[in-house]
Amino acid sequence: MEKKAKILIVEDETPLRELLEAELSRNGYQVQVAANGRAGLNRYAEECFSVVLLDIKMPEMGGVEVLEKMREHSRVPEIIMFTGHGDIETAVKCIKSGAYDYLTKPVKLDELEIIIDKAHEKNRLHRENINLKIEISKFGDHQVVGRSAEIDKVLATVHRWGATDEHVLIYGESGTGKELIARAVHDASSRADKPFVTVNCGRLDVNTAESELFGHMQGAFTGANKARAGLFELADNGTLFMDEVSEMSLDVQVKLLRVLETCEFRRLGGSRDISVDVRFVFASNKKLQECVEHGEFREDFYHRINLLPITLPPLRERQEDILPLTLHFLQDSHNRFGVAWEITDEALAALNSYRWPGNIRELKNTIRRACILAVEPVLSADLLPFSAPKMPLPGKGSGDSGLPLSPLWVVEREHIGMVLAAVDGNKSQAARILGVDRKTLYTKLERYELGC
């Protein structure tokens, strides 16, 4: 690790203080020293250090008292205590007061550097968490959370397209946050204070899609006891977000194409055209060009809606966003439960190494589940379903490979996610591979929060 730790050494013994200063400086650390506790407190208040080396036995003001006063001032730097007269009671008191570690003299320099590096890394993560929490506290309910170059590029495109009044097509795997991006397009437009209406085309029954979109007159069909406005009318002057547009039937695509061209439609059973001013934002987890080639999507409709595309990368391709998203979801838990949550390094490593087939929606669900299971407000690795320990199968030797101990629902969720990823989000094909009908698959996608 590159040694950039800024260290404050508070030590009254001149030979040891000068030795530590010389050796640590030679090895790349930024080092400052103080000859007693009061001088150390003054330096601590004047500058921001990442690690403090603090002696316990000092005249006038002892190290334990200095530690307590330092922690009253700031909890950011990691403080390593050391003494020539160690005892368990003092060590426990130091740790409870906020010390990172407790060492007994004489201290070996190579071992000390290892501890300093670990303390410095923890300090770096602590500062990063604080900065991200400050950034996240500024986000609104529909603000896109992320700091990766990929999401910055997406947001730049959102603001460019949002300023126009043309229709937008968003590509992205299930769970990547396409609706959130659609809202961002709406918020960046002149229609921001007008309605934002959403519809999942995959849930529109082929027999009722026209009624949902165009509305119907009383008596238009059996059960139509009164007239009803469709989603187009509800979104008038605003934005209509049509998710999973690839699931729309070809017949409805023809009628929707006419609406896009003329801004007019008729309710089912109606005799007059209704004019609307709607900006459409479409989304798909399939490659529509391939759907056109397979005869599953109209080519003229595809070219009409593909004017301003936005491609939303999956979470596994923007790993830098995992930490800010996790902190954002933990902040939601803080708002619900009234406690501030922390996250361990092991849990963060597990989150970063997981592939996230369900993308951001799966991450959100995982964090919410972990917060429910946690006994204290700390997100640890054992609370994550994909961090389960391995145990040998019954009858197997200790040298044989084991299977992960995971709940059945976790295995099913991950398998469904992998199948969907393998078929590029084609739910019809995924249902056939999984051996279930589409309705069952949609139910499972909703249950496991993998379906958007």
Protein backbone atom coordinates (compact mmCIF):
# COMPACT_ATOMS: atom_id res chain seq x y z
CA MET A 1 0.00 0.00 0.00
CA GLU A 2 1.29 3.47 -0.79
CA LYS A 3 2.34 5.03 2.51
CA LYS A 4 0.70 8.41 2.72
CA ALA A 5 -0.50 8.30 6.32
CA LYS A 6 -0.10 11.52 8.24
CA ILE A 7 1.05 10.56 11.73
CA LEU A 8 1.23 12.45 15.03
CA ILE A 9 3.61 10.91 17.61
CA VAL A 10 2.96 11.94 21.21
CA GLU A 11 5.86 10.55 23.27
CA ASP A 12 7.77 12.09 26.21
CA GLU A 13 10.85 9.84 25.85
CA THR A 14 13.17 11.77 23.52
CA PRO A 15 15.20 8.79 22.12
CA LEU A 16 12.09 6.79 21.21
CA ARG A 17 10.31 9.84 19.81
CA GLU A 18 13.26 10.75 17.58
CA LEU A 19 13.75 7.13 16.47
CA LEU A 20 10.10 6.73 15.46
CA GLU A 21 10.11 10.07 13.66
CA ALA A 22 13.27 9.22 11.69
CA GLU A 23 12.30 5.65 10.73
CA LEU A 24 8.69 6.36 9.81
CA SER A 25 9.66 9.47 7.81
CA ARG A 26 12.29 7.46 5.94
CA ASN A 27 9.62 4.89 5.02
CA GLY A 28 7.34 7.46 3.42
CA TYR A 29 5.04 8.61 6.23
CA GLN A 30 4.31 12.26 7.01
CA VAL A 31 5.30 12.61 10.65
CA GLN A 32 4.90 15.28 13.32
CA VAL A 33 5.83 14.93 16.97
CA ALA A 34 4.85 16.29 20.38
CA ALA A 35 6.87 15.88 23.59
CA ASN A 36 3.91 15.75 26.00
CA GLY A 37 0.16 15.31 26.17
CA ARG A 38 -0.75 19.00 26.15
CA ALA A 39 1.43 19.72 23.12
CA GLY A 40 -0.09 16.69 21.43
CA LEU A 41 -3.62 17.97 22.04
CA ASN A 42 -2.68 21.34 20.53
CA ARG A 43 -1.26 19.69 17.39
CA TYR A 44 -4.30 17.41 17.19
CA ALA A 45 -6.64 20.42 17.25
CA GLU A 46 -4.63 22.35 14.65
CA GLU A 47 -4.29 19.71 11.92
CA CYS A 48 -6.05 16.62 10.64
CA PHE A 49 -4.04 13.41 11.11
CA SER A 50 -4.94 9.91 9.95
CA VAL A 51 -3.08 8.05 12.73
CA VAL A 52 -1.90 9.08 16.20
CA LEU A 53 0.76 7.17 18.20
CA LEU A 54 0.09 8.02 21.83
CA ASP A 55 2.13 7.01 24.87
CA ILE A 56 0.16 6.21 28.02
CA LYS A 57 2.70 7.07 30.72
CA MET A 58 3.52 10.79 30.45
CA PRO A 59 3.99 13.53 33.10
CA GLU A 60 1.29 16.12 33.83
CA MET A 61 -1.31 14.65 31.44
CA GLY A 62 -1.38 10.88 30.89
CA GLY A 63 -2.18 9.19 27.60
CA VAL A 64 -5.62 7.94 28.67
CA GLU A 65 -6.71 11.48 29.53
CA VAL A 66 -5.27 12.76 26.25
CA LEU A 67 -7.14 10.00 24.37
CA GLU A 68 -10.46 10.97 25.96
CA LYS A 69 -9.95 14.67 25.14
CA MET A 70 -8.92 13.84 21.57
CA ARG A 71 -12.05 11.77 21.10
CA GLU A 72 -14.17 14.65 22.42
CA HIS A 73 -12.68 16.82 19.69
CA SER A 74 -12.82 14.36 16.77
CA ARG A 75 -13.39 10.65 16.13
CA VAL A 76 -11.76 10.64 12.71
CA PRO A 77 -8.06 9.82 13.34
CA GLU A 78 -7.18 6.30 14.50
CA ILE A 79 -5.27 6.36 17.79
CA ILE A 80 -2.73 3.65 18.66
CA MET A 81 -1.74 3.50 22.34
CA PHE A 82 1.59 2.12 23.56
CA THR A 83 3.24 1.80 26.98
CA GLY A 84 6.07 0.08 28.78
CA HIS A 85 3.80 -0.96 31.62
CA GLY A 86 0.86 -2.75 30.08
CA ASP A 87 -2.07 -4.21 31.99
CA ILE A 88 -5.43 -5.60 30.94
CA GLU A 89 -7.51 -3.01 32.77
CA THR A 90 -5.77 -0.08 31.06
CA ALA A 91 -5.96 -1.76 27.66
CA VAL A 92 -9.71 -2.32 28.01
CA LYS A 93 -10.21 1.28 29.12
CA CYS A 94 -8.27 2.57 26.09
CA ILE A 95 -10.26 0.48 23.62
CA LYS A 96 -13.56 1.55 25.20
CA SER A 97 -12.43 5.18 24.95
CA GLY A 98 -11.93 4.85 21.21
CA ALA A 99 -8.37 3.61 20.69
CA TYR A 100 -7.67 1.58 17.56
CA ASP A 101 -5.07 -0.68 19.18
CA TYR A 102 -2.94 -1.08 22.31
CA LEU A 103 0.75 -2.06 22.09
CA THR A 104 3.39 -2.84 24.70
CA LYS A 105 6.95 -1.50 24.45
CA PRO A 106 9.42 -2.31 23.04
CA VAL A 107 7.63 -1.93 19.71
CA LYS A 108 9.05 -3.63 16.60
CA LEU A 109 9.06 -1.17 13.73
CA ASP A 110 7.94 -3.62 11.04
CA GLU A 111 4.99 -4.77 13.18
CA LEU A 112 4.15 -1.15 14.02
CA GLU A 113 4.08 -0.22 10.32
CA ILE A 114 1.62 -3.04 9.59
CA ILE A 115 -0.71 -1.75 12.31
CA ILE A 116 -0.29 1.84 11.10
CA ASP A 117 -1.18 0.82 7.54
CA LYS A 118 -4.31 -1.00 8.71
CA ALA A 119 -5.32 1.98 10.86
CA HIS A 120 -4.67 4.32 7.94
CA GLU A 121 -6.87 2.22 5.62
CA LYS A 122 -9.67 2.18 8.19
CA ASN A 123 -9.31 5.95 8.56
CA ARG A 124 -9.51 6.36 4.77
CA LEU A 125 -12.74 4.35 4.61
CA HIS A 126 -14.15 6.29 7.57
CA ARG A 127 -13.48 9.62 5.86
CA GLU A 128 -14.92 8.30 2.60
CA ASN A 129 -18.08 7.19 4.39
CA ILE A 130 -18.45 10.62 5.99
CA ASN A 131 -18.02 12.41 2.65
CA LEU A 132 -20.47 10.10 0.89
CA LYS A 133 -23.04 10.51 3.65
CA ILE A 134 -22.76 14.29 3.24
CA GLU A 135 -23.29 13.92 -0.52
CA ILE A 136 -26.18 11.49 -0.09
CA SER A 137 -27.89 13.77 2.43
CA LYS A 138 -28.26 16.28 -0.42
CA PHE A 139 -30.07 13.81 -2.68
CA GLY A 140 -33.80 14.07 -3.15
CA ASP A 141 -36.20 11.12 -3.19
CA HIS A 142 -35.63 10.57 -6.91
CA GLN A 143 -31.98 11.58 -7.09
CA VAL A 144 -29.70 9.14 -8.88
CA VAL A 145 -27.02 7.90 -6.45
CA GLY A 146 -23.57 7.16 -7.84
CA ARG A 147 -20.11 8.54 -8.46
CA SER A 148 -18.72 6.29 -11.20
CA ALA A 149 -17.66 7.59 -14.61
CA GLU A 150 -20.39 5.41 -16.15
CA ILE A 151 -23.21 6.99 -14.16
CA ASP A 152 -21.76 10.48 -14.73
CA LYS A 153 -21.96 9.81 -18.47
CA VAL A 154 -25.57 8.64 -18.13
CA LEU A 155 -26.54 11.75 -16.15
CA ALA A 156 -24.87 14.02 -18.69
CA THR A 157 -26.97 12.37 -21.42
CA VAL A 158 -30.09 12.66 -19.24
CA HIS A 159 -29.65 16.42 -18.97
CA ARG A 160 -29.04 16.78 -22.71
CA TRP A 161 -32.08 14.72 -23.69
CA GLY A 162 -34.23 16.15 -20.90
CA ALA A 163 -33.92 19.65 -22.29
CA THR A 164 -35.56 18.52 -25.55
CA ASP A 165 -39.16 17.42 -25.99
CA GLU A 166 -38.40 14.29 -28.00
CA HIS A 167 -39.14 10.76 -26.85
CA VAL A 168 -36.37 8.83 -25.04
CA LEU A 169 -35.52 5.11 -25.04
CA ILE A 170 -33.67 3.69 -22.00
CA TYR A 171 -31.83 0.37 -22.24
CA GLY A 172 -30.77 -1.56 -19.15
CA GLU A 173 -30.96 -4.90 -17.37
CA SER A 174 -33.70 -5.58 -14.83
CA GLY A 175 -33.10 -3.70 -11.62
CA THR A 176 -30.65 -1.09 -12.97
CA GLY A 177 -32.98 1.81 -12.15
CA LYS A 178 -34.55 2.64 -15.51
CA GLU A 179 -37.58 4.27 -13.89
CA LEU A 180 -35.28 6.48 -11.80
CA ILE A 181 -33.50 7.60 -14.97
CA ALA A 182 -36.87 8.22 -16.61
CA ARG A 183 -37.83 10.42 -13.67
CA ALA A 184 -34.53 12.26 -14.04
CA VAL A 185 -35.34 12.92 -17.73
CA HIS A 186 -38.75 14.24 -16.66
CA ASP A 187 -37.23 16.42 -13.93
CA ALA A 188 -34.71 17.86 -16.42
CA SER A 189 -37.49 18.86 -18.83
CA SER A 190 -39.89 21.78 -19.00
CA ARG A 191 -42.60 19.32 -17.85
CA ALA A 192 -41.02 18.77 -14.44
CA ASP A 193 -44.04 20.19 -12.60
CA LYS A 194 -46.50 18.18 -14.70
CA PRO A 195 -47.67 14.55 -14.26
CA PHE A 196 -45.22 11.64 -14.43
CA VAL A 197 -47.21 8.48 -15.17
CA THR A 198 -45.75 4.97 -15.32
CA VAL A 199 -46.95 1.75 -16.92
CA ASN A 200 -45.28 -1.66 -17.10
CA CYS A 201 -46.09 -2.98 -20.57
CA GLY A 202 -45.14 -6.50 -19.48
CA ARG A 203 -48.12 -6.53 -17.13
CA LEU A 204 -50.61 -5.29 -19.71
CA ASP A 205 -52.90 -8.13 -20.75
CA VAL A 206 -53.26 -8.28 -24.52
CA ASN A 207 -57.03 -7.95 -24.15
CA THR A 208 -56.97 -4.95 -21.83
CA ALA A 209 -53.89 -3.02 -23.03
CA GLU A 210 -55.90 -0.66 -25.22
CA SER A 211 -58.33 0.09 -22.40
CA GLU A 212 -55.44 0.84 -20.02
CA LEU A 213 -53.65 3.11 -22.47
CA PHE A 214 -56.50 4.75 -24.40
CA GLY A 215 -59.35 4.49 -21.88
CA HIS A 216 -62.89 3.34 -22.73
CA MET A 217 -66.46 4.53 -22.92
CA GLN A 218 -69.31 3.11 -20.87
CA GLY A 219 -70.52 -0.13 -22.40
CA ALA A 220 -67.46 -0.52 -24.66
CA PHE A 221 -67.09 -4.10 -23.43
CA THR A 222 -68.50 -6.42 -20.79
CA GLY A 223 -67.80 -4.93 -17.37
CA ALA A 224 -67.29 -1.37 -18.64
CA ASN A 225 -69.92 0.09 -16.32
CA LYS A 226 -68.65 3.65 -16.68
CA ALA A 227 -66.30 5.67 -18.84
CA ARG A 228 -62.65 5.69 -17.83
CA ALA A 229 -59.71 7.84 -18.87
CA GLY A 230 -56.61 6.02 -20.06
CA LEU A 231 -52.98 6.61 -19.14
CA PHE A 232 -52.46 8.88 -22.15
CA GLU A 233 -55.04 11.32 -20.84
CA LEU A 234 -53.69 11.10 -17.30
CA ALA A 235 -50.22 12.00 -18.58
CA ASP A 236 -51.42 14.95 -20.69
CA ASN A 237 -48.86 17.81 -20.61
CA GLY A 238 -46.50 15.54 -18.70
CA THR A 239 -44.42 12.39 -19.23
CA LEU A 240 -45.57 8.81 -19.74
CA PHE A 241 -42.97 6.21 -18.82
CA MET A 242 -43.57 2.89 -20.60
CA ASP A 243 -41.36 0.19 -19.09
CA GLU A 244 -40.68 -3.16 -20.81
CA VAL A 245 -41.99 -1.79 -24.10
CA SER A 246 -40.68 -4.93 -25.85
CA GLU A 247 -43.52 -6.89 -24.20
CA MET A 248 -46.21 -4.85 -25.95
CA SER A 249 -48.23 -6.74 -28.58
CA LEU A 250 -47.69 -5.89 -32.24
CA ASP A 251 -51.30 -4.72 -32.63
CA VAL A 252 -50.95 -2.23 -29.78
CA GLN A 253 -47.62 -1.07 -31.23
CA VAL A 254 -49.42 -0.05 -34.42
CA LYS A 255 -51.93 2.06 -32.51
CA LEU A 256 -49.25 3.57 -30.28
CA LEU A 257 -47.24 4.52 -33.37
CA ARG A 258 -50.24 6.50 -34.59
CA VAL A 259 -50.40 8.33 -31.26
CA LEU A 260 -46.71 9.21 -31.52
CA GLU A 261 -47.22 10.58 -35.04
CA THR A 262 -50.50 12.48 -34.55
CA CYS A 263 -50.79 13.00 -30.77
CA GLU A 264 -54.38 11.78 -31.12
CA PHE A 265 -56.28 8.64 -30.16
CA ARG A 266 -59.77 7.35 -29.44
CA ARG A 267 -61.10 5.67 -26.35
CA LEU A 268 -62.45 2.17 -26.83
CA GLY A 269 -66.07 2.60 -27.91
CA GLY A 270 -65.50 6.30 -28.54
CA SER A 271 -66.37 8.20 -31.73
CA ARG A 272 -64.07 11.22 -31.51
CA ASP A 273 -60.34 11.78 -31.41
CA ILE A 274 -58.73 13.05 -28.25
CA SER A 275 -55.63 15.23 -28.53
CA VAL A 276 -52.87 15.00 -25.93
CA ASP A 277 -49.48 16.56 -25.37
CA VAL A 278 -47.38 13.74 -23.89
CA ARG A 279 -43.63 13.19 -23.81
CA PHE A 280 -42.88 9.45 -23.90
CA VAL A 281 -39.96 7.74 -22.18
CA PHE A 282 -39.63 4.06 -23.11
CA ALA A 283 -37.50 1.41 -21.40
CA SER A 284 -36.44 -2.09 -22.32
CA ASN A 285 -34.21 -4.78 -20.86
CA LYS A 286 -34.02 -6.39 -24.31
CA LYS A 287 -32.11 -5.28 -27.38
CA LEU A 288 -34.98 -4.06 -29.52
CA GLN A 289 -33.00 -4.40 -32.75
CA GLU A 290 -32.80 -8.14 -32.10
CA CYS A 291 -36.53 -8.22 -31.31
CA VAL A 292 -37.17 -6.59 -34.70
CA GLU A 293 -35.03 -9.21 -36.44
CA HIS A 294 -36.99 -11.99 -34.70
CA GLY A 295 -40.35 -10.47 -35.71
CA GLU A 296 -41.24 -9.64 -32.09
CA PHE A 297 -41.16 -5.86 -32.52
CA ARG A 298 -42.28 -3.57 -35.33
CA GLU A 299 -39.37 -1.99 -37.20
CA ASP A 300 -41.21 1.30 -37.89
CA PHE A 301 -42.13 1.60 -34.22
CA TYR A 302 -38.53 0.84 -33.19
CA HIS A 303 -37.09 3.56 -35.41
CA ARG A 304 -39.67 6.05 -34.09
CA ILE A 305 -38.79 5.54 -30.42
CA ASN A 306 -35.03 5.02 -30.83
CA LEU A 307 -34.31 8.70 -31.51
CA LEU A 308 -32.63 9.52 -28.17
CA PRO A 309 -31.26 6.34 -26.54
CA ILE A 310 -29.75 6.05 -23.06
CA THR A 311 -27.87 2.88 -22.08
CA LEU A 312 -27.81 2.19 -18.36
CA PRO A 313 -24.90 -0.12 -17.38
CA PRO A 314 -25.46 -2.98 -14.90
CA LEU A 315 -24.20 -2.58 -11.33
CA ARG A 316 -21.35 -5.07 -11.88
CA GLU A 317 -19.88 -2.68 -14.45
CA ARG A 318 -19.91 0.32 -12.11
CA GLN A 319 -18.50 -1.09 -8.90
CA GLU A 320 -17.67 2.38 -7.59
CA ASP A 321 -21.40 2.94 -7.06
CA ILE A 322 -21.86 0.00 -4.66
CA LEU A 323 -20.63 1.86 -1.57
CA PRO A 324 -22.64 5.09 -2.09
CA LEU A 325 -25.75 3.04 -2.93
CA THR A 326 -25.24 0.92 0.19
CA LEU A 327 -24.87 4.02 2.35
CA HIS A 328 -27.97 5.49 0.71
CA PHE A 329 -30.01 2.40 1.58
CA LEU A 330 -28.56 2.37 5.11
CA GLN A 331 -29.66 5.99 5.44
CA ASP A 332 -33.19 4.83 4.58
CA SER A 333 -32.90 2.31 7.42
CA HIS A 334 -31.67 5.08 9.69
CA ASN A 335 -34.77 7.11 8.84
CA ARG A 336 -37.05 4.10 9.53
CA PHE A 337 -35.41 2.72 12.66
CA GLY A 338 -33.95 5.92 14.11
CA VAL A 339 -30.38 4.57 14.44
CA ALA A 340 -27.19 5.31 12.51
CA TRP A 341 -25.82 2.27 10.69
CA GLU A 342 -22.18 1.32 10.12
CA ILE A 343 -20.70 -1.20 7.67
CA THR A 344 -17.71 -3.49 8.27
CA ASP A 345 -14.81 -3.84 5.85
CA GLU A 346 -15.65 -7.54 5.38
CA ALA A 347 -19.25 -6.72 4.42
CA LEU A 348 -18.09 -4.07 1.97
CA ALA A 349 -15.65 -6.54 0.39
CA ALA A 350 -18.46 -9.10 0.03
CA LEU A 351 -20.76 -6.51 -1.56
CA ASN A 352 -18.04 -5.50 -4.01
CA SER A 353 -17.19 -9.07 -5.02
CA TYR A 354 -20.81 -10.17 -5.65
CA ARG A 355 -22.05 -10.08 -9.27
CA TRP A 356 -25.53 -8.60 -8.52
CA PRO A 357 -27.68 -10.34 -11.16
CA GLY A 358 -30.63 -8.33 -9.82
CA ASN A 359 -28.61 -5.08 -9.91
CA ILE A 360 -29.60 -2.12 -7.70
CA ARG A 361 -32.99 -3.55 -6.75
CA GLU A 362 -31.28 -6.68 -5.41
CA LEU A 363 -28.75 -4.56 -3.50
CA LYS A 364 -31.56 -2.54 -1.93
CA ASN A 365 -33.43 -5.69 -0.93
CA THR A 366 -30.24 -7.26 0.46
CA ILE A 367 -29.48 -4.20 2.63
CA ARG A 368 -33.08 -4.00 3.85
CA ARG A 369 -33.05 -7.70 4.80
CA ALA A 370 -29.68 -7.35 6.58
CA CYS A 371 -30.97 -4.41 8.63
CA ILE A 372 -33.97 -6.46 9.73
CA LEU A 373 -31.78 -9.42 10.75
CA ALA A 374 -29.12 -7.34 12.51
CA VAL A 375 -29.05 -7.38 16.32
CA GLU A 376 -27.14 -4.08 16.43
CA PRO A 377 -26.85 -1.28 13.82
CA VAL A 378 -23.79 -2.76 12.10
CA LEU A 379 -23.94 -4.28 8.62
CA SER A 380 -21.61 -7.28 8.87
CA ALA A 381 -20.73 -9.94 6.30
CA ASP A 382 -22.65 -12.71 8.09
CA LEU A 383 -25.91 -10.82 7.41
CA LEU A 384 -25.45 -11.13 3.64
CA PRO A 385 -27.06 -14.20 2.02
CA PHE A 386 -24.15 -14.73 -0.38
CA SER A 387 -21.57 -14.68 2.44
CA ALA A 388 -22.85 -17.88 4.05
CA PRO A 389 -20.13 -20.25 5.36
CA LYS A 390 -19.48 -23.59 3.68
CA MET A 391 -19.88 -26.96 5.37
CA PRO A 392 -19.15 -30.45 4.06
CA LEU A 393 -21.98 -32.61 2.83
CA PRO A 394 -23.04 -35.46 5.14
CA GLY A 395 -20.76 -38.45 4.69
CA LYS A 396 -18.04 -36.43 2.97
CA GLY A 397 -14.52 -36.05 4.26
CA SER A 398 -13.21 -32.75 5.53
CA GLY A 399 -11.06 -32.43 2.44
CA ASP A 400 -14.00 -32.57 0.02
CA SER A 401 -15.64 -29.43 -1.31
CA GLY A 402 -18.75 -28.19 0.50
CA LEU A 403 -21.94 -26.46 -0.54
CA PRO A 404 -22.93 -22.96 0.59
CA LEU A 405 -25.49 -22.91 3.36
CA SER A 406 -28.05 -20.53 1.83
CA PRO A 407 -31.84 -20.36 2.15
CA LEU A 408 -33.72 -21.90 -0.79
CA TRP A 409 -35.18 -18.53 -1.80
CA VAL A 410 -31.65 -17.10 -2.16
CA VAL A 411 -30.62 -19.94 -4.47
CA GLU A 412 -33.80 -19.54 -6.55
CA ARG A 413 -33.40 -15.76 -6.79
CA GLU A 414 -29.79 -16.00 -7.93
CA HIS A 415 -30.62 -18.74 -10.46
CA ILE A 416 -33.48 -16.73 -11.95
CA GLY A 417 -31.20 -13.69 -12.14
CA MET A 418 -28.48 -15.66 -13.93
CA VAL A 419 -30.97 -17.14 -16.43
CA LEU A 420 -32.38 -13.67 -17.19
CA ALA A 421 -28.87 -12.30 -17.70
CA ALA A 422 -28.02 -15.21 -20.02
CA VAL A 423 -31.03 -14.49 -22.28
CA ASP A 424 -30.60 -10.69 -22.17
CA GLY A 425 -33.75 -10.20 -20.12
CA ASN A 426 -36.09 -12.09 -22.45
CA LYS A 427 -38.73 -13.20 -19.95
CA SER A 428 -40.54 -15.50 -22.38
CA GLN A 429 -37.33 -17.39 -23.08
CA ALA A 430 -36.37 -17.35 -19.39
CA ALA A 431 -39.75 -18.84 -18.45
CA ARG A 432 -39.25 -21.67 -20.95
CA ILE A 433 -35.76 -22.43 -19.63
CA LEU A 434 -36.98 -22.36 -16.01
CA GLY A 435 -39.95 -24.57 -16.86
CA VAL A 436 -42.62 -22.14 -15.58
CA ASP A 437 -45.28 -20.03 -17.26
CA ARG A 438 -44.85 -16.27 -17.65
CA LYS A 439 -47.33 -15.47 -14.88
CA THR A 440 -45.37 -17.60 -12.38
CA LEU A 441 -42.12 -15.98 -13.49
CA TYR A 442 -43.54 -12.47 -13.05
CA THR A 443 -44.76 -13.42 -9.57
CA LYS A 444 -41.27 -14.59 -8.62
CA LEU A 445 -39.64 -11.51 -10.14
CA GLU A 446 -41.91 -9.30 -8.06
CA ARG A 447 -41.30 -11.36 -4.91
CA TYR A 448 -37.52 -11.24 -5.32
CA GLU A 449 -37.58 -7.65 -6.63
CA LEU A 450 -35.82 -8.65 -9.85
CA GLY A 451 -38.52 -7.55 -12.23
CA CYS A 452 -37.82 -3.96 -13.15
